[in-house]
């Protein structure tokens, strides 16, 4: 019986010791939790290239992200301003050309001019210029209407090239920030005999965030540019239709 008790007590103590060895100590738990707290950074710090190991911000990330933020604000401003301008150009009375036809048929050119002045859109300005040229050769009237149409189209396309530039430059700028960040990572690796994966992954993540920012700004600017171009094309189509209709009115028999 004593032998049996001895072995049973021995197994119990061995099992107890193994369990204690398997469980992490309070000190190691505290170290791991502290390490996790140090490594966790906010999204704001990540955007501006904060390095949790050195506790410093990356100058490259600050410069690149500042430029991308400026581009995004500029793109939003251009989009809103151009959108409102195009919407004003699309507005107008549905029976505008019918009323112009009535005024010209009746010989009331002053009434037609007043209607054009009271209507704020490119079509009205084209027709007003054509009415002011009535009495001159048809070629002169057509040339005047076409010239006003070109000026109005130029006004509608104003600043759209800026959106196209931002949509192309922003991704390349973000990629440049990533390349410079990777150069910095490999430069730091060359100075150390040994390196840890955590240090490498942190530097790569810091570098890649500029590419993400550049792509976001570029995609938004590209979508805004294409949307405005489609709206401008619609205005141009309406202008061409109105100019042809106005010329037909002047060339109608009895005019």
Foldseek 3Di string as FASTA:
>chain_A
DVVVVVVVVVVVVVVVVVVVVVDDDPVVVVVVVVVVVLPDDDPVQLQQQQDSVVRDGDPLSNVLSVVLVVLLVVLVVVLVVLVVVLVLQPDDDPCLLVVLLVCVLVVNLVVLLVSLVVRPHLLSVLLNQLSVCPPDDLVVSLVSSVVSLVVRLVVSCPCLVVLVVLLPVLLVSLVVQLVVLVVVLVVVVVVDPDDDVVSSVSSNSSSNSSNVSSNVSNVVSVVSSVVSVVSSVVSSVVNVVSSVSSSCSVPPPPD
